[in-house]
PDB file of all heavy atoms in Angstrom:
ATOM      1  N   ARG A   1      22.829 -85.430 -17.165  1.00  0.00           N
ATOM      2  CA  ARG A   1      23.427 -84.247 -17.663  1.00  0.00           C
ATOM      3  C   ARG A   1      22.824 -83.068 -16.921  1.00  0.00           C
ATOM      4  O   ARG A   1      21.749 -82.976 -16.571  1.00  0.00           O
ATOM      5  CB  ARG A   1      23.196 -84.013 -19.164  1.00  0.00           C
ATOM      6  CG  ARG A   1      21.762 -84.039 -19.575  1.00  0.00           C
ATOM      7  CD  ARG A   1      21.458 -84.179 -21.098  1.00  0.00           C
ATOM      8  NE  ARG A   1      22.254 -83.120 -21.854  1.00  0.00           N
ATOM      9  CZ  ARG A   1      22.595 -83.137 -23.005  1.00  0.00           C
ATOM     10  NH1 ARG A   1      22.497 -84.312 -23.794  1.00  0.00           N
ATOM     11  NH2 ARG A   1      23.364 -82.220 -23.664  1.00  0.00           N
ATOM     12  N   ASP A   2      23.673 -81.883 -16.927  1.00  0.00           N
ATOM     13  CA  ASP A   2      23.251 -80.618 -16.381  1.00  0.00           C
ATOM     14  C   ASP A   2      23.536 -79.636 -17.450  1.00  0.00           C
ATOM     15  O   ASP A   2      24.641 -79.128 -17.523  1.00  0.00           O
ATOM     16  CB  ASP A   2      23.912 -80.383 -15.005  1.00  0.00           C
ATOM     17  CG  ASP A   2      23.458 -79.183 -14.356  1.00  0.00           C
ATOM     18  OD1 ASP A   2      22.908 -78.219 -15.001  1.00  0.00           O
ATOM     19  OD2 ASP A   2      23.661 -79.047 -13.192  1.00  0.00           O
ATOM     20  N   ASN A   3      22.397 -79.206 -18.123  1.00  0.00           N
ATOM     21  CA  ASN A   3      22.705 -78.332 -19.220  1.00  0.00           C
ATOM     22  C   ASN A   3      23.123 -76.894 -18.878  1.00  0.00           C
ATOM     23  O   ASN A   3      23.903 -76.285 -19.507  1.00  0.00           O
ATOM     24  CB  ASN A   3      21.388 -78.152 -20.108  1.00  0.00           C
ATOM     25  CG  ASN A   3      21.103 -79.459 -20.949  1.00  0.00           C
ATOM     26  OD1 ASN A   3      21.981 -80.276 -21.150  1.00  0.00           O
ATOM     27  ND2 ASN A   3      19.918 -79.516 -21.361  1.00  0.00           N
ATOM     28  N   ALA A   4      22.715 -76.478 -17.676  1.00  0.00           N
ATOM     29  CA  ALA A   4      23.236 -75.304 -17.098  1.00  0.00           C
ATOM     30  C   ALA A   4      24.630 -75.170 -16.854  1.00  0.00           C
ATOM     31  O   ALA A   4      25.276 -74.093 -16.893  1.00  0.00           O
ATOM     32  CB  ALA A   4      22.384 -74.849 -15.897  1.00  0.00           C
ATOM     33  N   LYS A   5      25.252 -76.377 -16.545  1.00  0.00           N
ATOM     34  CA  LYS A   5      26.657 -76.524 -16.245  1.00  0.00           C
ATOM     35  C   LYS A   5      27.348 -76.990 -17.393  1.00  0.00           C
ATOM     36  O   LYS A   5      28.659 -77.188 -17.396  1.00  0.00           O
ATOM     37  CB  LYS A   5      26.944 -77.252 -15.094  1.00  0.00           C
ATOM     38  CG  LYS A   5      26.290 -76.742 -13.787  1.00  0.00           C
ATOM     39  CD  LYS A   5      26.661 -77.626 -12.524  1.00  0.00           C
ATOM     40  CE  LYS A   5      26.122 -76.961 -11.282  1.00  0.00           C
ATOM     41  NZ  LYS A   5      26.409 -77.831 -10.094  1.00  0.00           N
ATOM     42  N   SER A   6      26.743 -77.356 -18.534  1.00  0.00           N
ATOM     43  CA  SER A   6      27.400 -77.945 -19.711  1.00  0.00           C
ATOM     44  C   SER A   6      28.256 -79.191 -19.279  1.00  0.00           C
ATOM     45  O   SER A   6      29.319 -79.300 -19.627  1.00  0.00           O
ATOM     46  CB  SER A   6      28.203 -77.016 -20.428  1.00  0.00           C
ATOM     47  OG  SER A   6      27.482 -75.967 -21.021  1.00  0.00           O
ATOM     48  N   THR A   7      27.679 -80.015 -18.432  1.00  0.00           N
ATOM     49  CA  THR A   7      28.348 -81.090 -17.832  1.00  0.00           C
ATOM     50  C   THR A   7      27.557 -82.350 -17.949  1.00  0.00           C
ATOM     51  O   THR A   7      26.350 -82.376 -17.714  1.00  0.00           O
ATOM     52  CB  THR A   7      28.794 -80.872 -16.419  1.00  0.00           C
ATOM     53  OG1 THR A   7      29.656 -79.673 -16.260  1.00  0.00           O
ATOM     54  CG2 THR A   7      29.464 -82.062 -15.866  1.00  0.00           C
ATOM     55  N   VAL A   8      28.207 -83.544 -18.331  1.00  0.00           N
ATOM     56  CA  VAL A   8      27.567 -84.757 -18.337  1.00  0.00           C
ATOM     57  C   VAL A   8      28.228 -85.635 -17.227  1.00  0.00           C
ATOM     58  O   VAL A   8      29.525 -85.590 -17.007  1.00  0.00           O
ATOM     59  CB  VAL A   8      27.611 -85.505 -19.594  1.00  0.00           C
ATOM     60  CG1 VAL A   8      29.127 -85.683 -20.197  1.00  0.00           C
ATOM     61  CG2 VAL A   8      26.914 -86.814 -19.562  1.00  0.00           C
ATOM     62  N   TYR A   9      27.489 -86.487 -16.621  1.00  0.00           N
ATOM     63  CA  TYR A   9      28.084 -87.324 -15.309  1.00  0.00           C
ATOM     64  C   TYR A   9      27.937 -88.776 -15.699  1.00  0.00           C
ATOM     65  O   TYR A   9      27.024 -89.131 -16.324  1.00  0.00           O
ATOM     66  CB  TYR A   9      27.402 -87.052 -14.066  1.00  0.00           C
ATOM     67  CG  TYR A   9      27.389 -85.535 -13.737  1.00  0.00           C
ATOM     68  CD1 TYR A   9      26.440 -84.663 -14.156  1.00  0.00           C
ATOM     69  CD2 TYR A   9      28.454 -84.935 -13.067  1.00  0.00           C
ATOM     70  CE1 TYR A   9      26.438 -83.239 -13.682  1.00  0.00           C
ATOM     71  CE2 TYR A   9      28.586 -83.507 -12.710  1.00  0.00           C
ATOM     72  CZ  TYR A   9      27.406 -82.824 -13.038  1.00  0.00           C
ATOM     73  OH  TYR A   9      27.532 -81.488 -12.693  1.00  0.00           O
ATOM     74  N   LEU A  10      28.707 -89.579 -15.079  1.00  0.00           N
ATOM     75  CA  LEU A  10      28.505 -90.974 -15.010  1.00  0.00           C
ATOM     76  C   LEU A  10      28.687 -91.525 -13.562  1.00  0.00           C
ATOM     77  O   LEU A  10      29.802 -91.530 -13.040  1.00  0.00           O
ATOM     78  CB  LEU A  10      29.509 -91.621 -16.022  1.00  0.00           C
ATOM     79  CG  LEU A  10      29.304 -93.238 -16.103  1.00  0.00           C
ATOM     80  CD1 LEU A  10      27.980 -93.451 -16.849  1.00  0.00           C
ATOM     81  CD2 LEU A  10      30.465 -93.906 -16.807  1.00  0.00           C
ATOM     82  N   GLN A  11      27.502 -91.822 -12.914  1.00  0.00           N
ATOM     83  CA  GLN A  11      27.620 -92.336 -11.642  1.00  0.00           C
ATOM     84  C   GLN A  11      27.825 -93.875 -11.761  1.00  0.00           C
ATOM     85  O   GLN A  11      27.136 -94.579 -12.371  1.00  0.00           O
ATOM     86  CB  GLN A  11      26.244 -92.203 -10.818  1.00  0.00           C
ATOM     87  CG  GLN A  11      26.273 -92.753  -9.471  1.00  0.00           C
ATOM     88  CD  GLN A  11      27.275 -92.148  -8.520  1.00  0.00           C
ATOM     89  OE1 GLN A  11      27.318 -90.941  -8.440  1.00  0.00           O
ATOM     90  NE2 GLN A  11      27.922 -93.008  -7.712  1.00  0.00           N
ATOM     91  N   MET A  12      28.865 -94.365 -11.185  1.00  0.00           N
ATOM     92  CA  MET A  12      29.359 -95.728 -11.242  1.00  0.00           C
ATOM     93  C   MET A  12      29.322 -96.438  -9.832  1.00  0.00           C
ATOM     94  O   MET A  12      30.073 -96.114  -8.992  1.00  0.00           O
ATOM     95  CB  MET A  12      30.798 -95.881 -11.817  1.00  0.00           C
ATOM     96  CG  MET A  12      30.931 -95.073 -13.097  1.00  0.00           C
ATOM     97  SD  MET A  12      32.723 -94.880 -13.514  1.00  0.00           S
ATOM     98  CE  MET A  12      33.177 -96.533 -13.900  1.00  0.00           C
ATOM     99  N   ASN A  13      28.321 -97.357  -9.788  1.00  0.00           N
ATOM    100  CA  ASN A  13      28.142 -98.075  -8.469  1.00  0.00           C
ATOM    101  C   ASN A  13      28.589 -99.619  -8.681  1.00  0.00           C
ATOM    102  O   ASN A  13      28.523-100.034  -9.774  1.00  0.00           O
ATOM    103  CB  ASN A  13      26.693 -97.896  -7.997  1.00  0.00           C
ATOM    104  CG  ASN A  13      26.305 -96.487  -7.740  1.00  0.00           C
ATOM    105  OD1 ASN A  13      27.111 -95.808  -7.284  1.00  0.00           O
ATOM    106  ND2 ASN A  13      25.059 -96.226  -7.859  1.00  0.00           N
ATOM    107  N   SER A  14      28.791-100.294  -7.558  1.00  0.00           N
ATOM    108  CA  SER A  14      29.050-101.676  -7.649  1.00  0.00           C
ATOM    109  C   SER A  14      30.159-101.935  -8.608  1.00  0.00           C
ATOM    110  O   SER A  14      30.137-102.892  -9.392  1.00  0.00           O
ATOM    111  CB  SER A  14      27.717-102.393  -7.876  1.00  0.00           C
ATOM    112  OG  SER A  14      26.648-102.246  -6.929  1.00  0.00           O
ATOM    113  N   LEU A  15      31.215-101.213  -8.507  1.00  0.00           N
ATOM    114  CA  LEU A  15      32.245-101.391  -9.460  1.00  0.00           C
ATOM    115  C   LEU A  15      32.940-102.758  -9.489  1.00  0.00           C
ATOM    116  O   LEU A  15      33.045-103.326  -8.347  1.00  0.00           O
ATOM    117  CB  LEU A  15      33.348-100.268  -9.358  1.00  0.00           C
ATOM    118  CG  LEU A  15      32.886 -99.027  -9.840  1.00  0.00           C
ATOM    119  CD1 LEU A  15      33.707 -97.768  -9.223  1.00  0.00           C
ATOM    120  CD2 LEU A  15      32.922 -98.872 -11.362  1.00  0.00           C
ATOM    121  N   LYS A  16      33.308-103.160 -10.601  1.00  0.00           N
ATOM    122  CA  LYS A  16      33.993-104.491 -10.776  1.00  0.00           C
ATOM    123  C   LYS A  16      35.443-104.195 -11.227  1.00  0.00           C
ATOM    124  O   LYS A  16      35.679-103.273 -11.966  1.00  0.00           O
ATOM    125  CB  LYS A  16      33.142-105.421 -11.666  1.00  0.00           C
ATOM    126  CG  LYS A  16      31.775-105.596 -11.263  1.00  0.00           C
ATOM    127  CD  LYS A  16      31.016-106.462 -12.310  1.00  0.00           C
ATOM    128  CE  LYS A  16      29.502-106.664 -11.893  1.00  0.00           C
ATOM    129  NZ  LYS A  16      28.872-107.429 -13.011  1.00  0.00           N
ATOM    130  N   VAL A  17      36.277-105.295 -11.093  1.00  0.00           N
ATOM    131  CA  VAL A  17      37.588-105.220 -11.647  1.00  0.00           C
ATOM    132  C   VAL A  17      37.513-105.041 -13.105  1.00  0.00           C
ATOM    133  O   VAL A  17      38.373-104.238 -13.676  1.00  0.00           O
ATOM    134  CB  VAL A  17      38.407-106.461 -11.285  1.00  0.00           C
ATOM    135  CG1 VAL A  17      39.661-106.431 -11.985  1.00  0.00           C
ATOM    136  CG2 VAL A  17      38.648-106.597  -9.735  1.00  0.00           C
ATOM    137  N   GLU A  18      36.708-105.589 -13.897  1.00  0.00           N
ATOM    138  CA  GLU A  18      36.541-105.425 -15.335  1.00  0.00           C
ATOM    139  C   GLU A  18      36.178-104.059 -15.713  1.00  0.00           C
ATOM    140  O   GLU A  18      36.086-103.755 -16.905  1.00  0.00           O
ATOM    141  CB  GLU A  18      35.773-106.537 -15.833  1.00  0.00           C
ATOM    142  CG  GLU A  18      34.377-106.546 -15.241  1.00  0.00           C
ATOM    143  CD  GLU A  18      34.193-107.788 -14.256  1.00  0.00           C
ATOM    144  OE1 GLU A  18      35.253-107.901 -13.323  1.00  0.00           O
ATOM    145  OE2 GLU A  18      33.238-108.489 -14.136  1.00  0.00           O
ATOM    146  N   ASP A  19      35.702-103.237 -14.976  1.00  0.00           N
ATOM    147  CA  ASP A  19      35.412-101.794 -15.185  1.00  0.00           C
ATOM    148  C   ASP A  19      36.631-100.919 -15.281  1.00  0.00           C
ATOM    149  O   ASP A  19      36.611 -99.831 -15.724  1.00  0.00           O
ATOM    150  CB  ASP A  19      34.422-101.182 -14.081  1.00  0.00           C
ATOM    151  CG  ASP A  19      33.113-101.800 -14.189  1.00  0.00           C
ATOM    152  OD1 ASP A  19      32.527-102.189 -15.198  1.00  0.00           O
ATOM    153  OD2 ASP A  19      32.507-102.028 -13.008  1.00  0.00           O
ATOM    154  N   THR A  20      37.778-101.598 -14.923  1.00  0.00           N
ATOM    155  CA  THR A  20      38.985-100.679 -15.029  1.00  0.00           C
ATOM    156  C   THR A  20      39.295-100.378 -16.525  1.00  0.00           C
ATOM    157  O   THR A  20      39.290-101.213 -17.398  1.00  0.00           O
ATOM    158  CB  THR A  20      40.214-101.580 -14.571  1.00  0.00           C
ATOM    159  OG1 THR A  20      39.978-101.863 -13.110  1.00  0.00           O
ATOM    160  CG2 THR A  20      41.535-100.876 -14.651  1.00  0.00           C
ATOM    161  N   ALA A  21      39.490 -99.033 -16.684  1.00  0.00           N
ATOM    162  CA  ALA A  21      39.683 -98.495 -18.096  1.00  0.00           C
ATOM    163  C   ALA A  21      39.960 -96.950 -17.994  1.00  0.00           C
ATOM    164  O   ALA A  21      39.770 -96.437 -16.926  1.00  0.00           O
ATOM    165  CB  ALA A  21      38.395 -98.826 -18.953  1.00  0.00           C
ATOM    166  N   ALA A  22      40.323 -96.473 -19.044  1.00  0.00           N
ATOM    167  CA  ALA A  22      40.232 -95.065 -19.275  1.00  0.00           C
ATOM    168  C   ALA A  22      38.954 -94.640 -19.789  1.00  0.00           C
ATOM    169  O   ALA A  22      38.423 -95.222 -20.836  1.00  0.00           O
ATOM    170  CB  ALA A  22      41.340 -94.576 -20.119  1.00  0.00           C
ATOM    171  N   TYR A  23      38.359 -93.777 -19.125  1.00  0.00           N
ATOM    172  CA  TYR A  23      36.979 -93.369 -19.497  1.00  0.00           C
ATOM    173  C   TYR A  23      36.880 -91.974 -20.219  1.00  0.00           C
ATOM    174  O   TYR A  23      37.530 -91.050 -19.852  1.00  0.00           O
ATOM    175  CB  TYR A  23      36.029 -93.187 -18.275  1.00  0.00           C
ATOM    176  CG  TYR A  23      35.616 -94.644 -17.725  1.00  0.00           C
ATOM    177  CD1 TYR A  23      36.529 -95.418 -17.135  1.00  0.00           C
ATOM    178  CD2 TYR A  23      34.255 -95.109 -17.898  1.00  0.00           C
ATOM    179  CE1 TYR A  23      36.140 -96.670 -16.671  1.00  0.00           C
ATOM    180  CE2 TYR A  23      33.907 -96.266 -17.569  1.00  0.00           C
ATOM    181  CZ  TYR A  23      34.796 -97.069 -16.947  1.00  0.00           C
ATOM    182  OH  TYR A  23      34.408 -98.391 -16.489  1.00  0.00           O
ATOM    183  N   TYR A  24      36.158 -91.857 -21.356  1.00  0.00           N
ATOM    184  CA  TYR A  24      36.083 -90.745 -22.230  1.00  0.00           C
ATOM    185  C   TYR A  24      34.705 -90.261 -22.408  1.00  0.00           C
ATOM    186  O   TYR A  24      33.971 -91.096 -22.490  1.00  0.00           O
ATOM    187  CB  TYR A  24      36.839 -90.980 -23.543  1.00  0.00           C
ATOM    188  CG  TYR A  24      38.305 -91.429 -23.491  1.00  0.00           C
ATOM    189  CD1 TYR A  24      38.595 -92.671 -23.306  1.00  0.00           C
ATOM    190  CD2 TYR A  24      39.243 -90.400 -23.758  1.00  0.00           C
ATOM    191  CE1 TYR A  24      39.925 -93.139 -23.329  1.00  0.00           C
ATOM    192  CE2 TYR A  24      40.583 -90.890 -23.606  1.00  0.00           C
ATOM    193  CZ  TYR A  24      40.950 -92.158 -23.354  1.00  0.00           C
ATOM    194  OH  TYR A  24      42.185 -92.623 -23.370  1.00  0.00           O
ATOM    195  N   CYS A  25      34.421 -88.935 -22.611  1.00  0.00           N
ATOM    196  CA  CYS A  25      33.089 -88.584 -23.007  1.00  0.00           C
ATOM    197  C   CYS A  25      33.351 -88.129 -24.472  1.00  0.00           C
ATOM    198  O   CYS A  25      34.252 -87.713 -24.999  1.00  0.00           O
ATOM    199  CB  CYS A  25      32.664 -87.492 -22.010  1.00  0.00           C
ATOM    200  SG  CYS A  25      33.496 -85.894 -22.073  1.00  0.00           S
ATOM    201  N   LYS A  26      32.103 -88.124 -25.126  1.00  0.00           N
ATOM    202  CA  LYS A  26      31.946 -87.824 -26.505  1.00  0.00           C
ATOM    203  C   LYS A  26      30.801 -87.021 -26.697  1.00  0.00           C
ATOM    204  O   LYS A  26      29.707 -87.212 -26.132  1.00  0.00           O
ATOM    205  CB  LYS A  26      32.047 -89.147 -27.349  1.00  0.00           C
ATOM    206  CG  LYS A  26      31.901 -88.809 -28.825  1.00  0.00           C
ATOM    207  CD  LYS A  26      31.788 -90.252 -29.646  1.00  0.00           C
ATOM    208  CE  LYS A  26      31.710 -89.888 -31.093  1.00  0.00           C
ATOM    209  NZ  LYS A  26      30.376 -89.300 -31.450  1.00  0.00           N
ATOM    210  N   THR A  27      30.767 -86.098 -27.702  1.00  0.00           N
ATOM    211  CA  THR A  27      29.520 -85.404 -28.175  1.00  0.00           C
ATOM    212  C   THR A  27      29.110 -85.747 -29.444  1.00  0.00           C
ATOM    213  O   THR A  27      29.994 -86.154 -30.310  1.00  0.00           O
ATOM    214  CB  THR A  27      29.976 -83.852 -28.103  1.00  0.00           C
ATOM    215  OG1 THR A  27      28.838 -83.235 -28.733  1.00  0.00           O
ATOM    216  CG2 THR A  27      31.072 -83.519 -28.883  1.00  0.00           C
ATOM    217  N   SER A  28      27.854 -85.745 -29.703  1.00  0.00           N
ATOM    218  CA  SER A  28      27.259 -86.015 -30.988  1.00  0.00           C
ATOM    219  C   SER A  28      27.754 -85.017 -32.112  1.00  0.00           C
ATOM    220  O   SER A  28      27.447 -85.276 -33.227  1.00  0.00           O
ATOM    221  CB  SER A  28      25.718 -86.107 -31.007  1.00  0.00           C
ATOM    222  OG  SER A  28      25.166 -84.897 -30.583  1.00  0.00           O
ATOM    223  N   THR A  29      28.263 -83.937 -31.802  1.00  0.00           N
ATOM    224  CA  THR A  29      28.680 -82.888 -32.767  1.00  0.00           C
ATOM    225  C   THR A  29      29.799 -83.411 -33.698  1.00  0.00           C
ATOM    226  O   THR A  29      29.987 -82.820 -34.685  1.00  0.00           O
ATOM    227  CB  THR A  29      28.927 -81.553 -32.179  1.00  0.00           C
ATOM    228  OG1 THR A  29      30.113 -81.704 -31.232  1.00  0.00           O
ATOM    229  CG2 THR A  29      27.813 -81.075 -31.327  1.00  0.00           C
ATOM    230  N   GLY A  30      30.612 -84.466 -33.230  1.00  0.00           N
ATOM    231  CA  GLY A  30      31.691 -84.851 -34.045  1.00  0.00           C
ATOM    232  C   GLY A  30      32.572 -85.814 -33.204  1.00  0.00           C
ATOM    233  O   GLY A  30      32.276 -86.011 -31.964  1.00  0.00           O
ATOM    234  N   ALA A  31      33.712 -86.031 -33.734  1.00  0.00           N
ATOM    235  CA  ALA A  31      34.550 -87.074 -33.192  1.00  0.00           C
ATOM    236  C   ALA A  31      35.607 -86.181 -32.306  1.00  0.00           C
ATOM    237  O   ALA A  31      36.782 -86.223 -32.480  1.00  0.00           O
ATOM    238  CB  ALA A  31      35.351 -87.816 -34.241  1.00  0.00           C
ATOM    239  N   TYR A  32      35.013 -85.774 -31.247  1.00  0.00           N
ATOM    240  CA  TYR A  32      35.759 -85.061 -30.314  1.00  0.00           C
ATOM    241  C   TYR A  32      35.900 -85.869 -29.027  1.00  0.00           C
ATOM    242  O   TYR A  32      35.052 -86.417 -28.494  1.00  0.00           O
ATOM    243  CB  TYR A  32      35.158 -83.701 -29.962  1.00  0.00           C
ATOM    244  CG  TYR A  32      35.039 -82.750 -31.217  1.00  0.00           C
ATOM    245  CD1 TYR A  32      33.766 -82.515 -31.708  1.00  0.00           C
ATOM    246  CD2 TYR A  32      36.200 -82.192 -31.837  1.00  0.00           C
ATOM    247  CE1 TYR A  32      33.573 -81.694 -32.787  1.00  0.00           C
ATOM    248  CE2 TYR A  32      36.063 -81.448 -32.921  1.00  0.00           C
ATOM    249  CZ  TYR A  32      34.719 -81.183 -33.519  1.00  0.00           C
ATOM    250  OH  TYR A  32      34.591 -80.317 -34.578  1.00  0.00           O
ATOM    251  N   TRP A  33      37.112 -85.778 -28.453  1.00  0.00           N
ATOM    252  CA  TRP A  33      37.407 -86.559 -27.174  1.00  0.00           C
ATOM    253  C   TRP A  33      38.351 -85.819 -26.330  1.00  0.00           C
ATOM    254  O   TRP A  33      39.090 -84.936 -26.707  1.00  0.00           O
ATOM    255  CB  TRP A  33      38.188 -87.951 -27.530  1.00  0.00           C
ATOM    256  CG  TRP A  33      37.388 -88.719 -28.540  1.00  0.00           C
ATOM    257  CD1 TRP A  33      37.746 -88.803 -29.877  1.00  0.00           C
ATOM    258  CD2 TRP A  33      36.581 -89.705 -28.241  1.00  0.00           C
ATOM    259  NE1 TRP A  33      36.863 -89.638 -30.364  1.00  0.00           N
ATOM    260  CE2 TRP A  33      36.127 -90.372 -29.470  1.00  0.00           C
ATOM    261  CE3 TRP A  33      36.052 -90.288 -27.054  1.00  0.00           C
ATOM    262  CZ2 TRP A  33      35.347 -91.492 -29.593  1.00  0.00           C
ATOM    263  CZ3 TRP A  33      35.054 -91.354 -27.179  1.00  0.00           C
ATOM    264  CH2 TRP A  33      34.783 -91.898 -28.416  1.00  0.00           C
ATOM    265  N   GLY A  34      38.170 -85.939 -24.942  1.00  0.00           N
ATOM    266  CA  GLY A  34      38.962 -85.338 -23.997  1.00  0.00           C
ATOM    267  C   GLY A  34      40.131 -86.290 -23.889  1.00  0.00           C
ATOM    268  O   GLY A  34      40.397 -87.276 -24.568  1.00  0.00           O
ATOM    269  N   GLN A  35      40.901 -85.970 -22.791  1.00  0.00           N
ATOM    270  CA  GLN A  35      42.082 -86.794 -22.550  1.00  0.00           C
ATOM    271  C   GLN A  35      41.759 -88.005 -21.620  1.00  0.00           C
ATOM    272  O   GLN A  35      42.554 -88.975 -21.436  1.00  0.00           O
ATOM    273  CB  GLN A  35      43.157 -86.018 -21.881  1.00  0.00           C
ATOM    274  CG  GLN A  35      43.701 -84.889 -22.745  1.00  0.00           C
ATOM    275  CD  GLN A  35      45.042 -84.364 -22.327  1.00  0.00           C
ATOM    276  OE1 GLN A  35      45.729 -84.870 -21.417  1.00  0.00           O
ATOM    277  NE2 GLN A  35      45.542 -83.160 -22.770  1.00  0.00           N
ATOM    278  N   GLY A  36      40.663 -88.122 -21.126  1.00  0.00           N
ATOM    279  CA  GLY A  36      40.143 -89.290 -20.416  1.00  0.00           C
ATOM    280  C   GLY A  36      40.324 -89.126 -18.851  1.00  0.00           C
ATOM    281  O   GLY A  36      41.296 -88.267 -18.414  1.00  0.00           O
ATOM    282  N   THR A  37      39.894 -90.031 -18.131  1.00  0.00           N
ATOM    283  CA  THR A  37      40.104 -90.216 -16.713  1.00  0.00           C
ATOM    284  C   THR A  37      40.214 -91.589 -16.421  1.00  0.00           C
ATOM    285  O   THR A  37      39.400 -92.363 -16.859  1.00  0.00           O
ATOM    286  CB  THR A  37      39.138 -89.438 -15.891  1.00  0.00           C
ATOM    287  OG1 THR A  37      39.357 -89.326 -14.594  1.00  0.00           O
ATOM    288  CG2 THR A  37      37.662 -90.026 -16.064  1.00  0.00           C
ATOM    289  N   GLN A  38      41.260 -92.045 -15.694  1.00  0.00           N
ATOM    290  CA  GLN A  38      41.503 -93.372 -15.404  1.00  0.00           C
ATOM    291  C   GLN A  38      40.680 -93.843 -14.180  1.00  0.00           C
ATOM    292  O   GLN A  38      40.616 -93.255 -13.183  1.00  0.00           O
ATOM    293  CB  GLN A  38      42.979 -93.635 -15.040  1.00  0.00           C
ATOM    294  CG  GLN A  38      43.396 -95.044 -14.850  1.00  0.00           C
ATOM    295  CD  GLN A  38      43.298 -96.011 -15.921  1.00  0.00           C
ATOM    296  OE1 GLN A  38      43.470 -95.506 -17.160  1.00  0.00           O
ATOM    297  NE2 GLN A  38      42.736 -97.188 -15.798  1.00  0.00           N
TER     298      GLN A  38
END
């Protein structure tokens, strides 16, 4: 995370076929979701 940029990252290495999915981030403040990235 980079608090100065209000951004959280997920570095994904050695990707596998089974990693295929829509990925979403979530905050602990509540059940809030973005639209995801495929």
